[in-house]
Structures are given as C-alpha cells and as structure tokens.
PDB file of N, CA and C in Angstrom:
ATOM      1  N   MET A   1       0.949  -1.322   0.123  1.00  0.00           N
ATOM      2  CA  MET A   1      -0.039   0.105   0.003  1.00  0.00           C
ATOM      3  C   MET A   1       1.186   0.893   0.081  1.00  0.00           C
ATOM      4  N   ARG A   2       0.462   2.200  -0.986  1.00  0.00           N
ATOM      5  CA  ARG A   2       1.050   3.209  -1.240  1.00  0.00           C
ATOM      6  C   ARG A   2       0.985   4.306  -0.111  1.00  0.00           C
ATOM      7  N   SER A   3       1.866   5.213   0.708  1.00  0.00           N
ATOM      8  CA  SER A   3       1.922   5.782   1.641  1.00  0.00           C
ATOM      9  C   SER A   3       0.964   7.660   1.417  1.00  0.00           C
ATOM     10  N   LEU A   4       0.795   8.215   2.418  1.00  0.00           N
ATOM     11  CA  LEU A   4      -0.201   9.409   1.776  1.00  0.00           C
ATOM     12  C   LEU A   4       1.030  10.085   1.027  1.00  0.00           C
ATOM     13  N   GLY A   5       2.255  10.274   1.222  1.00  0.00           N
ATOM     14  CA  GLY A   5       3.211  11.066   0.813  1.00  0.00           C
ATOM     15  C   GLY A   5       3.096  10.950  -0.558  1.00  0.00           C
ATOM     16  N   GLU A   6       3.234   9.797  -1.137  1.00  0.00           N
ATOM     17  CA  GLU A   6       3.175   9.061  -2.595  1.00  0.00           C
ATOM     18  C   GLU A   6       2.328   9.258  -3.213  1.00  0.00           C
ATOM     19  N   LEU A   7       0.936   9.124  -2.679  1.00  0.00           N
ATOM     20  CA  LEU A   7      -0.308   9.630  -3.230  1.00  0.00           C
ATOM     21  C   LEU A   7      -0.535  10.657  -3.456  1.00  0.00           C
ATOM     22  N   VAL A   8       0.045  11.985  -2.864  1.00  0.00           N
ATOM     23  CA  VAL A   8      -0.375  13.065  -2.792  1.00  0.00           C
ATOM     24  C   VAL A   8       0.884  13.746  -4.229  1.00  0.00           C
ATOM     25  N   LYS A   9       2.046  13.108  -3.627  1.00  0.00           N
ATOM     26  CA  LYS A   9       3.249  13.457  -4.800  1.00  0.00           C
ATOM     27  C   LYS A   9       2.654  13.027  -6.130  1.00  0.00           C
ATOM     28  N   GLN A  10       1.897  11.713  -6.465  1.00  0.00           N
ATOM     29  CA  GLN A  10       1.505  10.963  -7.399  1.00  0.00           C
ATOM     30  C   GLN A  10       0.266  12.327  -8.179  1.00  0.00           C
ATOM     31  N   ARG A  11      -0.295  12.598  -7.375  1.00  0.00           N
ATOM     32  CA  ARG A  11      -1.638  13.712  -7.760  1.00  0.00           C
ATOM     33  C   ARG A  11      -1.178  15.356  -7.776  1.00  0.00           C
ATOM     34  N   VAL A  12       0.185  15.476  -7.393  1.00  0.00           N
ATOM     35  CA  VAL A  12       0.679  17.097  -7.648  1.00  0.00           C
ATOM     36  C   VAL A  12       1.486  16.951  -8.847  1.00  0.00           C
ATOM     37  N   GLU A  13       2.580  15.909  -8.852  1.00  0.00           N
ATOM     38  CA  GLU A  13       3.397  15.782 -10.119  1.00  0.00           C
ATOM     39  C   GLU A  13       2.669  15.647 -11.534  1.00  0.00           C
ATOM     40  N   ARG A  14       2.800  16.438 -11.855  1.00  0.00           N
ATOM     41  CA  ARG A  14       2.322  16.145 -13.448  1.00  0.00           C
ATOM     42  C   ARG A  14       3.144  15.834 -14.902  1.00  0.00           C
ATOM     43  N   VAL A  15       4.294  16.149 -14.556  1.00  0.00           N
ATOM     44  CA  VAL A  15       5.176  16.218 -15.899  1.00  0.00           C
ATOM     45  C   VAL A  15       6.514  15.572 -14.515  1.00  0.00           C
ATOM     46  N   ILE A  16       6.589  14.294 -15.017  1.00  0.00           N
ATOM     47  CA  ILE A  16       7.730  13.419 -14.599  1.00  0.00           C
ATOM     48  C   ILE A  16       8.850  13.401 -15.439  1.00  0.00           C
ATOM     49  N   ILE A  17       9.858  13.199 -15.037  1.00  0.00           N
ATOM     50  CA  ILE A  17      10.726  13.006 -16.181  1.00  0.00           C
ATOM     51  C   ILE A  17      11.980  11.925 -15.634  1.00  0.00           C
ATOM     52  N   GLU A  18      11.780  11.280 -15.728  1.00  0.00           N
ATOM     53  CA  GLU A  18      12.851   9.434 -15.473  1.00  0.00           C
ATOM     54  C   GLU A  18      14.349   9.380 -15.922  1.00  0.00           C
ATOM     55  N   ASN A  19      14.165   9.876 -17.137  1.00  0.00           N
ATOM     56  CA  ASN A  19      15.800  10.000 -17.538  1.00  0.00           C
ATOM     57  C   ASN A  19      16.287  11.069 -17.169  1.00  0.00           C
ATOM     58  N   GLU A  20      18.069  11.088 -16.229  1.00  0.00           N
ATOM     59  CA  GLU A  20      18.471  11.648 -15.641  1.00  0.00           C
ATOM     60  C   GLU A  20      19.341  12.466 -16.538  1.00  0.00           C
ATOM     61  N   MET A  21      19.350  12.312 -17.661  1.00  0.00           N
ATOM     62  CA  MET A  21      20.143  13.043 -18.907  1.00  0.00           C
ATOM     63  C   MET A  21      19.096  14.365 -19.313  1.00  0.00           C
ATOM     64  N   LEU A  22      18.158  14.223 -19.060  1.00  0.00           N
ATOM     65  CA  LEU A  22      17.160  14.887 -19.546  1.00  0.00           C
ATOM     66  C   LEU A  22      16.683  15.826 -18.260  1.00  0.00           C
ATOM     67  N   ARG A  23      16.768  15.481 -17.032  1.00  0.00           N
ATOM     68  CA  ARG A  23      16.551  16.459 -15.996  1.00  0.00           C
ATOM     69  C   ARG A  23      17.826  17.436 -16.071  1.00  0.00           C
ATOM     70  N   ALA A  24      19.190  16.893 -16.467  1.00  0.00           N
ATOM     71  CA  ALA A  24      20.462  17.956 -16.582  1.00  0.00           C
ATOM     72  C   ALA A  24      20.103  18.819 -17.392  1.00  0.00           C
ATOM     73  N   GLY A  25      19.725  18.773 -18.777  1.00  0.00           N
ATOM     74  CA  GLY A  25      19.683  19.961 -19.902  1.00  0.00           C
ATOM     75  C   GLY A  25      17.957  20.207 -19.950  1.00  0.00           C
ATOM     76  N   PHE A  26      18.616  21.287 -20.291  1.00  0.00           N
ATOM     77  CA  PHE A  26      17.067  22.141 -20.427  1.00  0.00           C
ATOM     78  C   PHE A  26      17.457  23.363 -21.182  1.00  0.00           C
ATOM     79  N   ALA A  27      15.942  23.955 -21.805  1.00  0.00           N
ATOM     80  CA  ALA A  27      16.203  25.122 -22.504  1.00  0.00           C
ATOM     81  C   ALA A  27      15.234  26.316 -21.289  1.00  0.00           C
ATOM     82  N   ALA A  28      15.959  27.264 -21.023  1.00  0.00           N
ATOM     83  CA  ALA A  28      15.376  28.409 -20.813  1.00  0.00           C
ATOM     84  C   ALA A  28      14.746  29.259 -21.357  1.00  0.00           C
ATOM     85  N   LEU A  29      13.381  29.357 -21.102  1.00  0.00           N
ATOM     86  CA  LEU A  29      12.869  30.429 -22.207  1.00  0.00           C
ATOM     87  C   LEU A  29      11.779  31.309 -21.337  1.00  0.00           C
ATOM     88  N   PRO A  30      12.221  32.636 -20.878  1.00  0.00           N
ATOM     89  CA  PRO A  30      11.567  33.430 -20.497  1.00  0.00           C
ATOM     90  C   PRO A  30      10.687  33.274 -20.506  1.00  0.00           C
ATOM     91  N   TYR A  31       9.541  33.428 -19.389  1.00  0.00           N
ATOM     92  CA  TYR A  31       7.859  33.798 -19.783  1.00  0.00           C
ATOM     93  C   TYR A  31       7.672  34.360 -20.421  1.00  0.00           C
ATOM     94  N   VAL A  32       8.081  35.761 -20.183  1.00  0.00           N
ATOM     95  CA  VAL A  32       7.488  37.138 -21.265  1.00  0.00           C
ATOM     96  C   VAL A  32       7.256  36.571 -22.844  1.00  0.00           C
ATOM     97  N   VAL A  33       8.381  35.727 -23.267  1.00  0.00           N
ATOM     98  CA  VAL A  33       8.685  35.062 -24.335  1.00  0.00           C
ATOM     99  C   VAL A  33       7.572  33.951 -24.371  1.00  0.00           C
ATOM    100  N   LEU A  34       7.102  33.127 -23.869  1.00  0.00           N
ATOM    101  CA  LEU A  34       6.606  31.896 -23.591  1.00  0.00           C
ATOM    102  C   LEU A  34       5.460  32.795 -23.868  1.00  0.00           C
ATOM    103  N   ARG A  35       4.737  33.339 -23.138  1.00  0.00           N
ATOM    104  CA  ARG A  35       3.563  33.636 -23.143  1.00  0.00           C
ATOM    105  C   ARG A  35       3.115  35.113 -24.082  1.00  0.00           C
ATOM    106  N   ASP A  36       3.859  35.439 -24.700  1.00  0.00           N
ATOM    107  CA  ASP A  36       3.872  36.557 -25.808  1.00  0.00           C
ATOM    108  C   ASP A  36       2.785  36.168 -26.976  1.00  0.00           C
ATOM    109  N   THR A  37       1.560  35.979 -26.790  1.00  0.00           N
ATOM    110  CA  THR A  37       0.129  35.714 -27.876  1.00  0.00           C
ATOM    111  C   THR A  37       0.679  36.365 -28.970  1.00  0.00           C
ATOM    112  N   LYS A  38       1.270  37.474 -29.157  1.00  0.00           N
ATOM    113  CA  LYS A  38       1.644  38.324 -30.425  1.00  0.00           C
ATOM    114  C   LYS A  38       2.756  37.597 -31.430  1.00  0.00           C
ATOM    115  N   LEU A  39       3.994  36.669 -30.588  1.00  0.00           N
ATOM    116  CA  LEU A  39       4.394  35.807 -31.171  1.00  0.00           C
ATOM    117  C   LEU A  39       3.807  34.585 -31.936  1.00  0.00           C
ATOM    118  N   SER A  40       3.866  34.102 -32.843  1.00  0.00           N
ATOM    119  CA  SER A  40       3.723  32.672 -33.297  1.00  0.00           C
ATOM    120  C   SER A  40       4.530  31.524 -32.822  1.00  0.00           C
ATOM    121  N   ILE A  41       4.307  30.219 -32.509  1.00  0.00           N
ATOM    122  CA  ILE A  41       4.895  29.290 -31.978  1.00  0.00           C
ATOM    123  C   ILE A  41       5.856  28.884 -32.770  1.00  0.00           C
ATOM    124  N   GLY A  42       6.365  29.292 -33.799  1.00  0.00           N
ATOM    125  CA  GLY A  42       7.637  29.018 -34.430  1.00  0.00           C
ATOM    126  C   GLY A  42       8.720  30.044 -33.945  1.00  0.00           C
ATOM    127  N   ALA A  43       7.761  31.180 -33.963  1.00  0.00           N
ATOM    128  CA  ALA A  43       9.095  32.091 -33.301  1.00  0.00           C
ATOM    129  C   ALA A  43       9.294  32.297 -31.616  1.00  0.00           C
ATOM    130  N   ARG A  44       8.646  31.734 -31.042  1.00  0.00           N
ATOM    131  CA  ARG A  44       8.709  31.237 -29.693  1.00  0.00           C
ATOM    132  C   ARG A  44       9.823  30.128 -29.732  1.00  0.00           C
ATOM    133  N   LEU A  45       9.778  28.952 -30.544  1.00  0.00           N
ATOM    134  CA  LEU A  45      10.650  28.131 -30.676  1.00  0.00           C
ATOM    135  C   LEU A  45      11.971  28.397 -31.023  1.00  0.00           C
ATOM    136  N   THR A  46      12.241  29.043 -31.886  1.00  0.00           N
ATOM    137  CA  THR A  46      13.247  30.017 -32.585  1.00  0.00           C
ATOM    138  C   THR A  46      14.314  30.327 -31.620  1.00  0.00           C
ATOM    139  N   TYR A  47      13.302  31.225 -30.833  1.00  0.00           N
ATOM    140  CA  TYR A  47      13.837  32.136 -29.548  1.00  0.00           C
ATOM    141  C   TYR A  47      14.781  31.460 -28.622  1.00  0.00           C
ATOM    142  N   ALA A  48      14.167  29.685 -28.357  1.00  0.00           N
ATOM    143  CA  ALA A  48      14.810  29.024 -27.726  1.00  0.00           C
ATOM    144  C   ALA A  48      15.896  28.421 -28.444  1.00  0.00           C
ATOM    145  N   VAL A  49      15.600  28.061 -29.452  1.00  0.00           N
ATOM    146  CA  VAL A  49      16.724  27.423 -29.928  1.00  0.00           C
ATOM    147  C   VAL A  49      18.333  28.185 -30.275  1.00  0.00           C
ATOM    148  N   LEU A  50      17.876  29.670 -30.373  1.00  0.00           N
ATOM    149  CA  LEU A  50      18.893  30.602 -30.536  1.00  0.00           C
ATOM    150  C   LEU A  50      19.285  30.917 -29.361  1.00  0.00           C
ATOM    151  N   LEU A  51      18.772  30.656 -28.457  1.00  0.00           N
ATOM    152  CA  LEU A  51      19.014  30.563 -26.793  1.00  0.00           C
ATOM    153  C   LEU A  51      20.012  29.378 -26.380  1.00  0.00           C
ATOM    154  N   SER A  52      19.812  28.440 -27.072  1.00  0.00           N
ATOM    155  CA  SER A  52      21.029  26.985 -27.142  1.00  0.00           C
ATOM    156  C   SER A  52      21.978  27.138 -27.562  1.00  0.00           C
ATOM    157  N   TYR A  53      21.624  28.003 -28.485  1.00  0.00           N
ATOM    158  CA  TYR A  53      23.111  28.323 -29.168  1.00  0.00           C
ATOM    159  C   TYR A  53      23.999  29.188 -28.683  1.00  0.00           C
ATOM    160  N   ALA A  54      23.163  30.517 -28.151  1.00  0.00           N
ATOM    161  CA  ALA A  54      24.243  31.609 -27.101  1.00  0.00           C
ATOM    162  C   ALA A  54      24.923  30.741 -25.885  1.00  0.00           C
ATOM    163  N   TRP A  55      23.833  29.597 -25.202  1.00  0.00           N
ATOM    164  CA  TRP A  55      24.711  29.199 -24.175  1.00  0.00           C
ATOM    165  C   TRP A  55      25.853  28.328 -24.473  1.00  0.00           C
ATOM    166  N   GLN A  56      26.211  27.699 -25.589  1.00  0.00           N
ATOM    167  CA  GLN A  56      27.190  27.344 -26.149  1.00  0.00           C
ATOM    168  C   GLN A  56      28.661  28.193 -25.432  1.00  0.00           C
ATOM    169  N   GLU A  57      29.721  27.334 -25.592  1.00  0.00           N
ATOM    170  CA  GLU A  57      31.195  28.314 -25.791  1.00  0.00           C
ATOM    171  C   GLU A  57      31.075  29.150 -26.548  1.00  0.00           C
ATOM    172  N   ASP A  58      31.899  30.267 -26.228  1.00  0.00           N
ATOM    173  CA  ASP A  58      32.291  31.182 -27.470  1.00  0.00           C
ATOM    174  C   ASP A  58      30.412  31.607 -28.000  1.00  0.00           C
ATOM    175  N   SER A  59      29.398  31.476 -27.374  1.00  0.00           N
ATOM    176  CA  SER A  59      28.273  31.741 -27.996  1.00  0.00           C
ATOM    177  C   SER A  59      28.472  32.086 -29.425  1.00  0.00           C
ATOM    178  N   THR A  60      28.650  30.779 -30.247  1.00  0.00           N
ATOM    179  CA  THR A  60      28.779  30.820 -31.712  1.00  0.00           C
ATOM    180  C   THR A  60      27.436  30.376 -32.183  1.00  0.00           C
ATOM    181  N   PHE A  61      27.307  31.102 -33.316  1.00  0.00           N
ATOM    182  CA  PHE A  61      25.929  30.911 -33.960  1.00  0.00           C
ATOM    183  C   PHE A  61      26.500  30.167 -35.295  1.00  0.00           C
ATOM    184  N   VAL A  62      25.750  28.741 -35.204  1.00  0.00           N
ATOM    185  CA  VAL A  62      26.057  27.592 -36.361  1.00  0.00           C
ATOM    186  C   VAL A  62      25.491  28.406 -37.689  1.00  0.00           C
ATOM    187  N   GLY A  63      24.770  29.463 -38.035  1.00  0.00           N
ATOM    188  CA  GLY A  63      23.934  29.393 -39.431  1.00  0.00           C
ATOM    189  C   GLY A  63      22.699  29.229 -39.261  1.00  0.00           C
ATOM    190  N   GLN A  64      22.064  29.810 -40.424  1.00  0.00           N
ATOM    191  CA  GLN A  64      20.518  29.694 -40.360  1.00  0.00           C
ATOM    192  C   GLN A  64      20.326  28.391 -41.105  1.00  0.00           C
ATOM    193  N   ALA A  65      21.071  27.457 -42.021  1.00  0.00           N
ATOM    194  CA  ALA A  65      21.195  26.395 -42.677  1.00  0.00           C
ATOM    195  C   ALA A  65      21.197  25.334 -41.395  1.00  0.00           C
ATOM    196  N   LYS A  66      22.128  25.280 -40.690  1.00  0.00           N
ATOM    197  CA  LYS A  66      22.111  24.354 -39.354  1.00  0.00           C
ATOM    198  C   LYS A  66      20.908  24.537 -38.457  1.00  0.00           C
ATOM    199  N   MET A  67      20.345  25.821 -37.919  1.00  0.00           N
ATOM    200  CA  MET A  67      19.448  25.978 -36.986  1.00  0.00           C
ATOM    201  C   MET A  67      18.659  25.680 -37.982  1.00  0.00           C
ATOM    202  N   ALA A  68      18.105  25.805 -39.245  1.00  0.00           N
ATOM    203  CA  ALA A  68      16.387  25.464 -39.953  1.00  0.00           C
ATOM    204  C   ALA A  68      16.621  24.119 -39.856  1.00  0.00           C
ATOM    205  N   LYS A  69      17.375  23.277 -40.355  1.00  0.00           N
ATOM    206  CA  LYS A  69      18.031  21.830 -39.751  1.00  0.00           C
ATOM    207  C   LYS A  69      17.423  21.014 -38.752  1.00  0.00           C
ATOM    208  N   ASP A  70      18.108  21.824 -37.406  1.00  0.00           N
ATOM    209  CA  ASP A  70      17.198  21.491 -36.304  1.00  0.00           C
ATOM    210  C   ASP A  70      16.124  21.660 -36.036  1.00  0.00           C
ATOM    211  N   MET A  71      15.816  22.738 -36.659  1.00  0.00           N
ATOM    212  CA  MET A  71      14.370  22.668 -36.176  1.00  0.00           C
ATOM    213  C   MET A  71      13.289  21.857 -37.039  1.00  0.00           C
ATOM    214  N   GLY A  72      13.963  21.455 -38.382  1.00  0.00           N
ATOM    215  CA  GLY A  72      13.159  20.528 -39.127  1.00  0.00           C
ATOM    216  C   GLY A  72      11.884  21.399 -39.975  1.00  0.00           C
ATOM    217  N   ILE A  73      12.727  23.074 -40.063  1.00  0.00           N
ATOM    218  CA  ILE A  73      11.995  23.764 -41.221  1.00  0.00           C
ATOM    219  C   ILE A  73      13.074  24.476 -42.190  1.00  0.00           C
ATOM    220  N   SER A  74      12.531  25.125 -43.684  1.00  0.00           N
ATOM    221  CA  SER A  74      13.311  25.738 -44.236  1.00  0.00           C
ATOM    222  C   SER A  74      13.787  26.514 -44.083  1.00  0.00           C
ATOM    223  N   GLU A  75      14.929  27.268 -44.991  1.00  0.00           N
ATOM    224  CA  GLU A  75      15.290  28.590 -43.858  1.00  0.00           C
ATOM    225  C   GLU A  75      15.161  29.429 -44.179  1.00  0.00           C
ATOM    226  N   ARG A  76      14.219  29.794 -45.324  1.00  0.00           N
ATOM    227  CA  ARG A  76      13.464  30.867 -45.098  1.00  0.00           C
ATOM    228  C   ARG A  76      11.776  30.838 -44.529  1.00  0.00           C
ATOM    229  N   GLN A  77      11.288  29.916 -43.808  1.00  0.00           N
ATOM    230  CA  GLN A  77      10.452  30.011 -42.462  1.00  0.00           C
ATOM    231  C   GLN A  77      11.279  30.598 -41.620  1.00  0.00           C
ATOM    232  N   LEU A  78      12.915  30.021 -41.081  1.00  0.00           N
ATOM    233  CA  LEU A  78      13.889  30.398 -40.352  1.00  0.00           C
ATOM    234  C   LEU A  78      13.560  32.014 -40.374  1.00  0.00           C
ATOM    235  N   GLN A  79      13.660  32.396 -41.163  1.00  0.00           N
ATOM    236  CA  GLN A  79      14.203  33.855 -41.891  1.00  0.00           C
ATOM    237  C   GLN A  79      12.738  34.510 -41.515  1.00  0.00           C
ATOM    238  N   ARG A  80      11.569  34.128 -41.637  1.00  0.00           N
ATOM    239  CA  ARG A  80      10.604  34.532 -41.324  1.00  0.00           C
ATOM    240  C   ARG A  80      10.316  34.971 -39.558  1.00  0.00           C
ATOM    241  N   TYR A  81      10.754  34.169 -38.796  1.00  0.00           N
ATOM    242  CA  TYR A  81      10.507  33.817 -37.490  1.00  0.00           C
ATOM    243  C   TYR A  81      11.731  34.088 -36.590  1.00  0.00           C
ATOM    244  N   LEU A  82      12.568  34.715 -37.276  1.00  0.00           N
ATOM    245  CA  LEU A  82      14.015  35.636 -36.618  1.00  0.00           C
ATOM    246  C   LEU A  82      13.316  37.164 -36.818  1.00  0.00           C
ATOM    247  N   TYR A  83      12.773  37.374 -38.142  1.00  0.00           N
ATOM    248  CA  TYR A  83      12.183  38.683 -38.358  1.00  0.00           C
ATOM    249  C   TYR A  83      10.873  39.039 -37.478  1.00  0.00           C
ATOM    250  N   GLU A  84      10.336  38.200 -37.130  1.00  0.00           N
ATOM    251  CA  GLU A  84       8.959  38.235 -36.572  1.00  0.00           C
ATOM    252  C   GLU A  84       9.665  38.602 -35.060  1.00  0.00           C
ATOM    253  N   LEU A  85      10.962  37.622 -34.715  1.00  0.00           N
ATOM    254  CA  LEU A  85      11.224  38.020 -33.298  1.00  0.00           C
ATOM    255  C   LEU A  85      11.772  39.400 -32.861  1.00  0.00           C
ATOM    256  N   ARG A  86      12.749  39.936 -34.317  1.00  0.00           N
ATOM    257  CA  ARG A  86      13.096  41.392 -34.297  1.00  0.00           C
ATOM    258  C   ARG A  86      12.246  42.316 -34.286  1.00  0.00           C
ATOM    259  N   ASP A  87      11.008  42.158 -34.839  1.00  0.00           N
ATOM    260  CA  ASP A  87       9.839  43.370 -35.112  1.00  0.00           C
ATOM    261  C   ASP A  87       9.294  43.137 -34.076  1.00  0.00           C
ATOM    262  N   CYS A  88       9.446  42.312 -32.983  1.00  0.00           N
ATOM    263  CA  CYS A  88       8.758  42.202 -31.627  1.00  0.00           C
ATOM    264  C   CYS A  88       9.560  42.764 -30.708  1.00  0.00           C
ATOM    265  N   ARG A  89      10.716  43.398 -31.117  1.00  0.00           N
ATOM    266  CA  ARG A  89      12.123  43.379 -30.365  1.00  0.00           C
ATOM    267  C   ARG A  89      12.528  42.554 -29.394  1.00  0.00           C
ATOM    268  N   TYR A  90      12.517  41.239 -29.408  1.00  0.00           N
ATOM    269  CA  TYR A  90      13.153  40.348 -28.699  1.00  0.00           C
ATOM    270  C   TYR A  90      14.706  39.612 -29.184  1.00  0.00           C
ATOM    271  N   ILE A  91      14.876  40.343 -30.278  1.00  0.00           N
ATOM    272  CA  ILE A  91      16.402  39.998 -31.038  1.00  0.00           C
ATOM    273  C   ILE A  91      17.076  41.246 -32.032  1.00  0.00           C
ATOM    274  N   GLU A  92      17.883  41.766 -31.916  1.00  0.00           N
ATOM    275  CA  GLU A  92      18.622  42.529 -32.971  1.00  0.00           C
ATOM    276  C   GLU A  92      19.340  41.902 -34.082  1.00  0.00           C
ATOM    277  N   ILE A  93      19.359  42.073 -35.358  1.00  0.00           N
ATOM    278  CA  ILE A  93      19.846  41.562 -36.343  1.00  0.00           C
ATOM    279  C   ILE A  93      20.869  42.761 -36.870  1.00  0.00           C
ATOM    280  N   SER A  94      22.288  42.177 -37.158  1.00  0.00           N
ATOM    281  CA  SER A  94      23.106  43.189 -37.142  1.00  0.00           C
ATOM    282  C   SER A  94      24.121  42.200 -38.171  1.00  0.00           C
ATOM    283  N   ARG A  95      24.550  43.076 -38.919  1.00  0.00           N
ATOM    284  CA  ARG A  95      25.436  42.885 -40.250  1.00  0.00           C
ATOM    285  C   ARG A  95      26.793  44.117 -40.728  1.00  0.00           C
ATOM    286  N   ALA A  96      27.971  43.823 -39.743  1.00  0.00           N
ATOM    287  CA  ALA A  96      28.646  44.861 -40.466  1.00  0.00           C
ATOM    288  C   ALA A  96      29.169  44.925 -42.010  1.00  0.00           C
ATOM    289  N   ASP A  97      28.936  43.986 -42.761  1.00  0.00           N
ATOM    290  CA  ASP A  97      29.360  44.057 -44.203  1.00  0.00           C
ATOM    291  C   ASP A  97      28.572  42.877 -44.944  1.00  0.00           C
ATOM    292  N   ARG A  98      28.013  43.128 -46.120  1.00  0.00           N
ATOM    293  CA  ARG A  98      27.647  42.143 -46.749  1.00  0.00           C
ATOM    294  C   ARG A  98      28.367  40.639 -46.876  1.00  0.00           C
ATOM    295  N   ARG A  99      29.241  40.771 -46.758  1.00  0.00           N
ATOM    296  CA  ARG A  99      30.689  39.743 -47.014  1.00  0.00           C
ATOM    297  C   ARG A  99      30.471  38.810 -45.417  1.00  0.00           C
ATOM    298  N   PHE A 100      29.940  39.376 -44.473  1.00  0.00           N
ATOM    299  CA  PHE A 100      29.824  38.904 -43.545  1.00  0.00           C
ATOM    300  C   PHE A 100      28.697  38.346 -42.290  1.00  0.00           C
ATOM    301  N   ASN A 101      28.598  37.149 -41.810  1.00  0.00           N
ATOM    302  CA  ASN A 101      26.951  36.324 -41.520  1.00  0.00           C
ATOM    303  C   ASN A 101      26.498  37.515 -40.555  1.00  0.00           C
ATOM    304  N   ASN A 102      25.049  37.262 -40.295  1.00  0.00           N
ATOM    305  CA  ASN A 102      24.367  38.084 -39.174  1.00  0.00           C
ATOM    306  C   ASN A 102      24.730  38.004 -37.965  1.00  0.00           C
ATOM    307  N   THR A 103      24.623  39.280 -37.022  1.00  0.00           N
ATOM    308  CA  THR A 103      24.883  38.872 -35.685  1.00  0.00           C
ATOM    309  C   THR A 103      23.793  38.794 -35.063  1.00  0.00           C
ATOM    310  N   TYR A 104      23.570  37.992 -33.841  1.00  0.00           N
ATOM    311  CA  TYR A 104      21.828  38.045 -33.397  1.00  0.00           C
ATOM    312  C   TYR A 104      22.155  38.617 -32.194  1.00  0.00           C
ATOM    313  N   ILE A 105      21.763  39.451 -31.487  1.00  0.00           N
ATOM    314  CA  ILE A 105      21.377  40.139 -30.209  1.00  0.00           C
ATOM    315  C   ILE A 105      20.214  39.785 -29.713  1.00  0.00           C
ATOM    316  N   ILE A 106      20.608  39.267 -28.892  1.00  0.00           N
ATOM    317  CA  ILE A 106      19.237  38.829 -27.747  1.00  0.00           C
ATOM    318  C   ILE A 106      19.273  39.943 -26.900  1.00  0.00           C
ATOM    319  N   LYS A 107      17.873  40.592 -27.190  1.00  0.00           N
ATOM    320  CA  LYS A 107      17.706  41.747 -25.999  1.00  0.00           C
ATOM    321  C   LYS A 107      17.484  41.385 -24.687  1.00  0.00           C
ATOM    322  N   ASP A 108      17.410  42.246 -23.841  1.00  0.00           N
ATOM    323  CA  ASP A 108      16.966  42.179 -22.445  1.00  0.00           C
ATOM    324  C   ASP A 108      15.450  42.346 -22.495  1.00  0.00           C
ATOM    325  N   VAL A 109      14.980  41.450 -21.942  1.00  0.00           N
ATOM    326  CA  VAL A 109      13.806  41.084 -21.909  1.00  0.00           C
ATOM    327  C   VAL A 109      13.036  41.705 -20.497  1.00  0.00           C
ATOM    328  N   LYS A 110      14.097  42.150 -19.386  1.00  0.00           N
ATOM    329  CA  LYS A 110      13.483  43.437 -18.891  1.00  0.00           C
ATOM    330  C   LYS A 110      12.599  44.121 -19.112  1.00  0.00           C
ATOM    331  N   THR A 111      13.358  44.939 -20.467  1.00  0.00           N
ATOM    332  CA  THR A 111      12.929  45.859 -21.315  1.00  0.00           C
ATOM    333  C   THR A 111      11.130  46.034 -21.285  1.00  0.00           C
ATOM    334  N   LYS A 112      11.306  44.616 -22.064  1.00  0.00           N
ATOM    335  CA  LYS A 112       9.883  44.366 -22.220  1.00  0.00           C
ATOM    336  C   LYS A 112       8.789  44.030 -21.013  1.00  0.00           C
ATOM    337  N   LEU A 113       9.345  44.067 -20.334  1.00  0.00           N
ATOM    338  CA  LEU A 113       8.355  43.649 -18.879  1.00  0.00           C
ATOM    339  C   LEU A 113       8.316  45.329 -18.516  1.00  0.00           C
ATOM    340  N   LYS A 114       9.079  46.143 -18.595  1.00  0.00           N
ATOM    341  CA  LYS A 114       8.764  47.348 -18.051  1.00  0.00           C
ATOM    342  C   LYS A 114       7.857  48.226 -18.909  1.00  0.00           C
ATOM    343  N   HIS A 115       7.556  47.906 -20.360  1.00  0.00           N
ATOM    344  CA  HIS A 115       6.732  48.563 -21.153  1.00  0.00           C
ATOM    345  C   HIS A 115       5.236  47.631 -20.987  1.00  0.00           C
ATOM    346  N   LYS A 116       5.456  46.436 -20.602  1.00  0.00           N
ATOM    347  CA  LYS A 116       4.179  45.617 -19.822  1.00  0.00           C
ATOM    348  C   LYS A 116       3.344  46.673 -19.061  1.00  0.00           C
ATOM    349  N   ALA A 117       4.633  46.683 -17.732  1.00  0.00           N
ATOM    350  CA  ALA A 117       4.288  47.081 -16.439  1.00  0.00           C
ATOM    351  C   ALA A 117       3.199  48.643 -16.768  1.00  0.00           C
ATOM    352  N   ARG A 118       4.095  49.153 -17.807  1.00  0.00           N
ATOM    353  CA  ARG A 118       2.945  50.876 -18.377  1.00  0.00           C
ATOM    354  C   ARG A 118       1.658  50.460 -18.689  1.00  0.00           C
ATOM    355  N   ALA A 119       1.568  49.404 -19.908  1.00  0.00           N
ATOM    356  CA  ALA A 119       0.598  49.107 -20.675  1.00  0.00           C
ATOM    357  C   ALA A 119      -0.559  48.897 -19.441  1.00  0.00           C
TER     358      ALA A 119
END
C-alpha cells in the first residue's frame, strides 16, 4: 500500500522526467517570450533554439542552414521567425558588411517587462 506522501506526490506531479540526462539539460525560455501571444509558436521555438546556441562556448551561432535543419523547417521559414522576433524587439539582427554573417543580439527582456507594466 502506498504512503500518503506518495499519493499526494502522484496527484501533484504532472510532468515526470525519468531520464537523468533529460533532467540535466533544459531550455530556459523567459516567460515573457513563452506567453507572448503576438509571437507565433514557431518564433517562440526559434527564440529557444537561438538561446541554446548562445549558451554554447563562445556563443557561436551555427548559421541559418544548420538552425533550420535542427528545427526541421526551411531556411525561409526560419528567416520569417527571426524577423518576427526582431519586429517584436526580442532580438536585433546586425551585419557589419555584406561579406559577413548576421550577428543576432538577444535583447534584454527586462525592457519588455517595463513596457508591459506601463500598459
């Protein structure tokens, strides 16, 4: 027979991760991005994947072709999501010269929180 604590835990825990490796790795997505209904689901996922690259050593971005492949979408669709994030001011896209790749600047979401508080 199960203890009362086990029964309570079973009723409360709705997401259970059995695999230790999955418990160790996760994507940290700010709630302000996760819950922004102005963003498409694809743009929110793009933000999370962009963050996953930023957390890597030296914040190296692997390029749009690799990112699109990792997400299972076309490069054109990825570009739409990146522009959506840019237009909503979650990221900035910069290029010093046509010969170089884009630089993606993940904006400080605190500024988004301040704007929300004023509205």
